[in-house]
Amino acid sequence: MSTVALTIYVLMWPALVAVVMAVIGRGFLKEWLDARRRGEDLI
């Protein structure tokens, strides 16, 4: 395996995790703000 391919493969995983965490965080923030507007608890 070439150095460039290995570097891309290794750096792909942190980028993928960052995207997944951003999606989860965005959904959490939306739910939290909706609950706050309605005056309800999040849980």
Foldseek 3Di string as FASTA:
>chain_A
DDPVVVVCVVVVVVVVVVVVVVVVVVVVVVLVVVCVVVVHDSD
